[in-house]
Amino acid sequence: MALTRRGSGAPPPAEVQVDPYTALAGDDPDARRRAVQDLAGRPEAAETLIALVGHEPDLAVRQAALTAIARYDTLTAAMGLVPYVRGDDAALRTAALEAIATMPTAPAELVPALLGDPDPDVRILTAMLLEELRRPETVAWLAGMLAGDQHPNVVSSALDAFLPLAGAEHIPLLRSVRDRFPADPFIQFTIDAALPGLAGR
């Protein structure tokens, strides 16, 4: 007769629930990523997740936080990422802009402020953001950059985003931009190359 081991009848030990805010301060990146996922969607966690982006060393955790922030889709969340857009870390600037670009509605309130930012690097990145957004306001925003911005690098970035969307009605604007920057070879060449094709659109 086969012998079977009888169980002790004791329940398995309960899994210890770790507070996600505590886990964010720990050394385990997997635990921090799970904590971000636990906090995602909680309105009260938005400020914590935005702060985490600035000092999180693990790229997967940082990306998880940015994804969670983008899902809030509020002006407050988008504005919380703007300091990273203005920062010196190029990878973080790009990641923050990409997160803003995925927000369905918040950028409509945020972009006008970025277009008036005194830092030309921020305005350049804003042109890149507009290229990704493709909102109904995108053409007007880019046209405003072309018409009013005095920094040639900003205008060059705006041209890259604007020309695929431009039509024949924008030829006078582009000619005025070309005339405003007569010494910039990139602007001159880019507009001269684009004008013949625009005439037929």
Protein backbone atom coordinates (compact mmCIF):
# COMPACT_ATOMS: atom_id res chain seq x y z
CA MET A 1 0.00 0.00 0.00
CA ALA A 2 1.47 3.31 -1.06
CA LEU A 3 2.13 5.82 1.62
CA THR A 4 1.10 9.46 1.07
CA ARG A 5 2.43 12.45 2.92
CA ARG A 6 -0.29 14.21 4.83
CA GLY A 7 -0.30 17.95 4.66
CA SER A 8 0.13 20.00 7.76
CA GLY A 9 -3.10 21.83 7.02
CA ALA A 10 -1.36 25.19 7.45
CA PRO A 11 -2.24 27.77 4.76
CA PRO A 12 0.55 29.02 2.51
CA PRO A 13 2.22 32.17 3.72
CA ALA A 14 0.43 35.29 2.54
CA GLU A 15 2.22 37.36 -0.07
CA VAL A 16 3.56 40.56 1.43
CA GLN A 17 1.99 43.59 -0.22
CA VAL A 18 4.59 46.29 -0.79
CA ASP A 19 3.42 49.88 -0.86
CA PRO A 20 4.14 51.16 -4.41
CA TYR A 21 5.44 54.49 -3.13
CA THR A 22 7.92 52.59 -0.96
CA ALA A 23 8.89 50.36 -3.88
CA LEU A 24 9.71 53.41 -6.01
CA ALA A 25 12.48 54.28 -3.57
CA GLY A 26 13.97 50.77 -3.64
CA ASP A 27 16.94 49.39 -5.55
CA ASP A 28 15.07 46.80 -7.64
CA PRO A 29 14.13 48.22 -11.07
CA ASP A 30 11.57 45.47 -11.66
CA ALA A 31 9.87 46.38 -8.39
CA ARG A 32 9.93 50.07 -9.36
CA ARG A 33 8.38 49.25 -12.73
CA ARG A 34 5.62 47.24 -11.06
CA ALA A 35 5.07 50.13 -8.67
CA VAL A 36 4.64 52.51 -11.60
CA GLN A 37 2.09 50.15 -13.10
CA ASP A 38 0.25 50.01 -9.76
CA LEU A 39 0.16 53.80 -9.54
CA ALA A 40 -0.82 54.41 -13.17
CA GLY A 41 -4.23 55.99 -13.44
CA ARG A 42 -4.37 57.22 -9.86
CA PRO A 43 -4.84 61.01 -10.00
CA GLU A 44 -2.96 61.49 -6.75
CA ALA A 45 0.11 59.70 -8.18
CA ALA A 46 0.67 62.03 -11.15
CA GLU A 47 3.07 64.34 -9.31
CA THR A 48 5.08 61.39 -8.00
CA LEU A 49 5.41 59.83 -11.46
CA ILE A 50 6.44 63.15 -13.02
CA ALA A 51 9.14 63.59 -10.38
CA LEU A 52 10.32 60.02 -10.90
CA VAL A 53 11.06 60.67 -14.57
CA GLY A 54 13.75 63.17 -13.65
CA HIS A 55 15.90 60.84 -11.54
CA GLU A 56 15.00 57.29 -12.62
CA PRO A 57 18.19 55.57 -13.93
CA ASP A 58 16.47 52.56 -15.51
CA LEU A 59 15.14 53.37 -18.98
CA ALA A 60 12.35 50.78 -18.82
CA VAL A 61 11.04 52.23 -15.55
CA ARG A 62 11.32 55.76 -16.90
CA GLN A 63 9.42 54.81 -20.05
CA ALA A 64 6.72 53.14 -17.98
CA ALA A 65 6.35 56.34 -15.97
CA LEU A 66 6.14 58.47 -19.12
CA THR A 67 3.50 56.16 -20.56
CA ALA A 68 1.49 56.42 -17.36
CA ILE A 69 1.80 60.22 -17.33
CA ALA A 70 0.67 60.48 -20.95
CA ARG A 71 -2.51 58.57 -20.12
CA TYR A 72 -3.58 61.31 -17.72
CA ASP A 73 -3.94 63.59 -20.77
CA THR A 74 -4.24 66.76 -18.69
CA LEU A 75 -2.57 70.14 -19.08
CA THR A 76 -1.08 69.67 -15.61
CA ALA A 77 0.55 66.39 -16.63
CA ALA A 78 1.83 67.86 -19.89
CA MET A 79 3.20 70.93 -18.12
CA GLY A 80 4.90 68.63 -15.63
CA LEU A 81 7.00 67.22 -18.48
CA VAL A 82 7.99 70.63 -19.89
CA PRO A 83 11.00 71.06 -17.53
CA TYR A 84 12.43 67.88 -19.04
CA VAL A 85 11.90 69.31 -22.53
CA ARG A 86 13.95 72.31 -21.41
CA GLY A 87 16.68 70.16 -19.82
CA ASP A 88 20.18 69.25 -20.99
CA ASP A 89 19.52 65.52 -21.37
CA ALA A 90 18.75 65.09 -25.08
CA ALA A 91 17.31 61.59 -24.69
CA LEU A 92 15.03 62.72 -21.88
CA ARG A 93 13.92 65.78 -23.89
CA THR A 94 12.92 63.55 -26.78
CA ALA A 95 11.19 61.02 -24.54
CA ALA A 96 9.21 63.75 -22.78
CA LEU A 97 8.11 65.25 -26.10
CA GLU A 98 7.05 61.85 -27.37
CA ALA A 99 4.97 61.33 -24.24
CA ILE A 100 3.28 64.69 -24.73
CA ALA A 101 2.63 63.83 -28.39
CA THR A 102 0.66 60.74 -27.40
CA MET A 103 -1.78 62.77 -25.30
CA PRO A 104 -5.03 63.17 -27.27
CA THR A 105 -6.14 66.60 -25.98
CA ALA A 106 -3.63 68.25 -23.63
CA PRO A 107 -1.18 69.42 -26.34
CA ALA A 108 -3.77 71.83 -27.75
CA GLU A 109 -3.40 73.86 -24.55
CA LEU A 110 0.33 73.31 -24.13
CA VAL A 111 1.75 74.03 -27.60
CA PRO A 112 1.05 77.78 -27.65
CA ALA A 113 3.17 78.20 -24.52
CA LEU A 114 6.01 76.17 -26.02
CA LEU A 115 5.92 78.20 -29.23
CA GLY A 116 6.67 81.30 -27.20
CA ASP A 117 9.44 79.74 -25.12
CA PRO A 118 12.57 81.94 -25.06
CA ASP A 119 14.85 78.91 -25.56
CA PRO A 120 15.24 78.18 -29.29
CA ASP A 121 16.05 74.54 -28.52
CA VAL A 122 12.60 74.18 -26.95
CA ARG A 123 10.99 75.75 -30.02
CA ILE A 124 12.95 73.39 -32.28
CA LEU A 125 11.72 70.43 -30.28
CA THR A 126 8.21 71.88 -30.43
CA ALA A 127 8.40 71.81 -34.22
CA MET A 128 9.36 68.14 -33.95
CA LEU A 129 6.41 67.61 -31.61
CA LEU A 130 4.05 69.22 -34.11
CA GLU A 131 5.36 66.94 -36.83
CA GLU A 132 4.23 64.00 -34.69
CA LEU A 133 0.93 65.48 -33.52
CA ARG A 134 -0.76 66.11 -36.89
CA ARG A 135 -3.65 67.89 -35.16
CA PRO A 136 -6.08 70.20 -36.99
CA GLU A 137 -4.16 73.16 -35.55
CA THR A 138 -0.76 71.87 -36.68
CA VAL A 139 -0.58 73.75 -39.99
CA ALA A 140 -1.55 77.04 -38.35
CA TRP A 141 0.95 76.56 -35.53
CA LEU A 142 3.79 75.81 -37.94
CA ALA A 143 2.81 78.66 -40.24
CA GLY A 144 2.99 80.97 -37.23
CA MET A 145 6.50 79.73 -36.44
CA LEU A 146 7.59 80.33 -40.01
CA ALA A 147 6.06 83.79 -40.10
CA GLY A 148 7.28 85.05 -36.76
CA ASP A 149 10.31 83.18 -35.42
CA GLN A 150 13.62 84.94 -35.95
CA HIS A 151 15.93 82.00 -35.23
CA PRO A 152 17.04 80.25 -38.43
CA ASN A 153 17.40 76.84 -36.79
CA VAL A 154 13.86 77.04 -35.45
CA VAL A 155 12.57 78.06 -38.86
CA SER A 156 14.49 75.21 -40.51
CA SER A 157 12.90 72.71 -38.12
CA ALA A 158 9.48 74.22 -38.73
CA LEU A 159 10.03 73.92 -42.48
CA ASP A 160 10.78 70.21 -42.18
CA ALA A 161 7.48 69.68 -40.38
CA PHE A 162 5.46 72.13 -42.47
CA LEU A 163 6.33 71.30 -46.06
CA PRO A 164 4.65 67.85 -46.17
CA LEU A 165 1.42 69.59 -45.10
CA ALA A 166 1.74 72.74 -47.21
CA GLY A 167 -0.28 73.62 -50.28
CA ALA A 168 -0.27 76.21 -53.02
CA GLU A 169 -1.88 78.74 -50.69
CA HIS A 170 1.31 78.74 -48.59
CA ILE A 171 3.63 79.82 -51.41
CA PRO A 172 3.54 83.52 -50.41
CA LEU A 173 4.41 82.60 -46.83
CA LEU A 174 7.35 80.47 -47.92
CA ARG A 175 8.64 83.18 -50.24
CA SER A 176 8.52 85.67 -47.39
CA VAL A 177 10.47 83.23 -45.19
CA ARG A 178 13.08 82.81 -47.90
CA ASP A 179 13.40 86.58 -48.23
CA ARG A 180 13.76 86.95 -44.45
CA PHE A 181 16.77 84.62 -44.31
CA PRO A 182 18.77 85.42 -47.47
CA ALA A 183 22.05 84.25 -45.94
CA ASP A 184 20.84 80.85 -44.77
CA PRO A 185 21.64 78.27 -47.48
CA PHE A 186 19.46 75.52 -45.99
CA ILE A 187 16.34 77.69 -45.87
CA GLN A 188 17.02 79.02 -49.36
CA PHE A 189 17.57 75.58 -50.88
CA THR A 190 14.68 73.91 -49.04
CA ILE A 191 12.12 76.50 -50.08
CA ASP A 192 13.42 76.80 -53.67
CA ALA A 193 13.19 73.03 -54.03
CA ALA A 194 9.67 72.90 -52.59
CA LEU A 195 7.98 75.77 -54.44
CA PRO A 196 7.57 74.09 -57.87
CA GLY A 197 5.85 71.09 -56.34
CA LEU A 198 3.56 73.20 -54.17
CA ALA A 199 2.25 75.10 -57.17
CA GLY A 200 0.49 71.96 -58.36
CA ARG A 201 -1.06 70.92 -55.05
